[in-house]
C-alpha atoms as a PDB file:
ATOM      1  CA  MET A   1     112.046  57.445 295.412  1.00  0.00           C
ATOM      2  CA  SER A   2     108.286  57.043 295.632  1.00  0.00           C
ATOM      3  CA  LYS A   3     106.796  53.572 295.425  1.00  0.00           C
ATOM      4  CA  ILE A   4     106.436  52.654 291.768  1.00  0.00           C
ATOM      5  CA  LYS A   5     104.344  49.601 290.971  1.00  0.00           C
ATOM      6  CA  CYS A   6     105.787  47.164 288.448  1.00  0.00           C
ATOM      7  CA  LYS A   7     104.010  44.217 286.859  1.00  0.00           C
ATOM      8  CA  VAL A   8     106.911  43.109 284.647  1.00  0.00           C
ATOM      9  CA  GLU A   9     107.963  39.824 286.226  1.00  0.00           C
ATOM     10  CA  GLU A  10     110.981  39.527 283.911  1.00  0.00           C
ATOM     11  CA  CYS A  11     112.625  42.747 285.189  1.00  0.00           C
ATOM     12  CA  LYS A  12     115.366  42.433 287.810  1.00  0.00           C
ATOM     13  CA  HIS A  13     114.177  45.689 289.433  1.00  0.00           C
ATOM     14  CA  ASN A  14     110.756  44.176 290.245  1.00  0.00           C
ATOM     15  CA  LYS A  15     110.694  43.272 293.939  1.00  0.00           C
ATOM     16  CA  ASP A  16     107.261  42.142 295.121  1.00  0.00           C
ATOM     17  CA  CYS A  17     105.571  44.218 292.384  1.00  0.00           C
ATOM     18  CA  LEU A  18     107.517  47.388 293.288  1.00  0.00           C
ATOM     19  CA  CYS A  19     110.411  48.872 291.310  1.00  0.00           C
ATOM     20  CA  ASP A  20     113.632  49.032 293.343  1.00  0.00           C
ATOM     21  CA  ALA A  21     115.724  50.861 290.712  1.00  0.00           C
ATOM     22  CA  ALA A  22     117.535  53.976 291.964  1.00  0.00           C
ATOM     23  CA  GLU A  23     115.921  55.944 289.134  1.00  0.00           C
ATOM     24  CA  ILE A  24     113.654  55.198 286.203  1.00  0.00           C
ATOM     25  CA  GLU A  25     113.167  56.550 282.700  1.00  0.00           C
ATOM     26  CA  VAL A  26     109.829  56.276 280.937  1.00  0.00           C
ATOM     27  CA  ARG A  27     109.262  57.377 277.348  1.00  0.00           C
ATOM     28  CA  SER A  28     106.603  57.129 274.707  1.00  0.00           C
ATOM     29  CA  SER A  29     106.847  54.001 272.606  1.00  0.00           C
ATOM     30  CA  GLY A  30     106.795  55.812 269.300  1.00  0.00           C
ATOM     31  CA  THR A  31     103.401  57.478 269.148  1.00  0.00           C
ATOM     32  CA  LEU A  32     103.246  61.243 268.866  1.00  0.00           C
ATOM     33  CA  LYS A  33     100.538  61.584 271.520  1.00  0.00           C
ATOM     34  CA  VAL A  34     100.392  59.123 274.391  1.00  0.00           C
ATOM     35  CA  CYS A  35      96.872  58.256 275.543  1.00  0.00           C
ATOM     36  CA  ARG A  36      97.218  54.737 277.003  1.00  0.00           C
ATOM     37  CA  PRO A  37      99.742  52.945 279.251  1.00  0.00           C
ATOM     38  CA  ASP A  38     100.630  50.529 276.429  1.00  0.00           C
ATOM     39  CA  GLU A  39     101.949  53.517 274.458  1.00  0.00           C
ATOM     40  CA  THR A  40     104.736  54.005 277.002  1.00  0.00           C
ATOM     41  CA  ALA A  41     107.919  52.061 277.723  1.00  0.00           C
ATOM     42  CA  CYS A  42     110.189  51.763 280.760  1.00  0.00           C
ATOM     43  CA  GLU A  43     113.774  52.331 279.624  1.00  0.00           C
ATOM     44  CA  THR A  44     115.055  51.118 283.017  1.00  0.00           C
ATOM     45  CA  PHE A  45     113.921  47.540 282.283  1.00  0.00           C
ATOM     46  CA  THR A  46     116.706  45.028 282.814  1.00  0.00           C
ATOM     47  CA  GLN A  47     115.987  41.354 282.140  1.00  0.00           C
ATOM     48  CA  CYS A  48     116.478  38.955 285.036  1.00  0.00           C
ATOM     49  CA  GLU A  49     119.523  36.746 284.785  1.00  0.00           C
END
């Protein structure tokens, strides 16, 4: 997988600001037309233990 930057410190897939998940899923966060990053959501997020 390509290098995917991650700034979510609470996600267990975040390793040195890069996502180490085998695959990711990103969707819109409810808006009909996405225009900004905050209108998206990473469905792969898993909270650190």
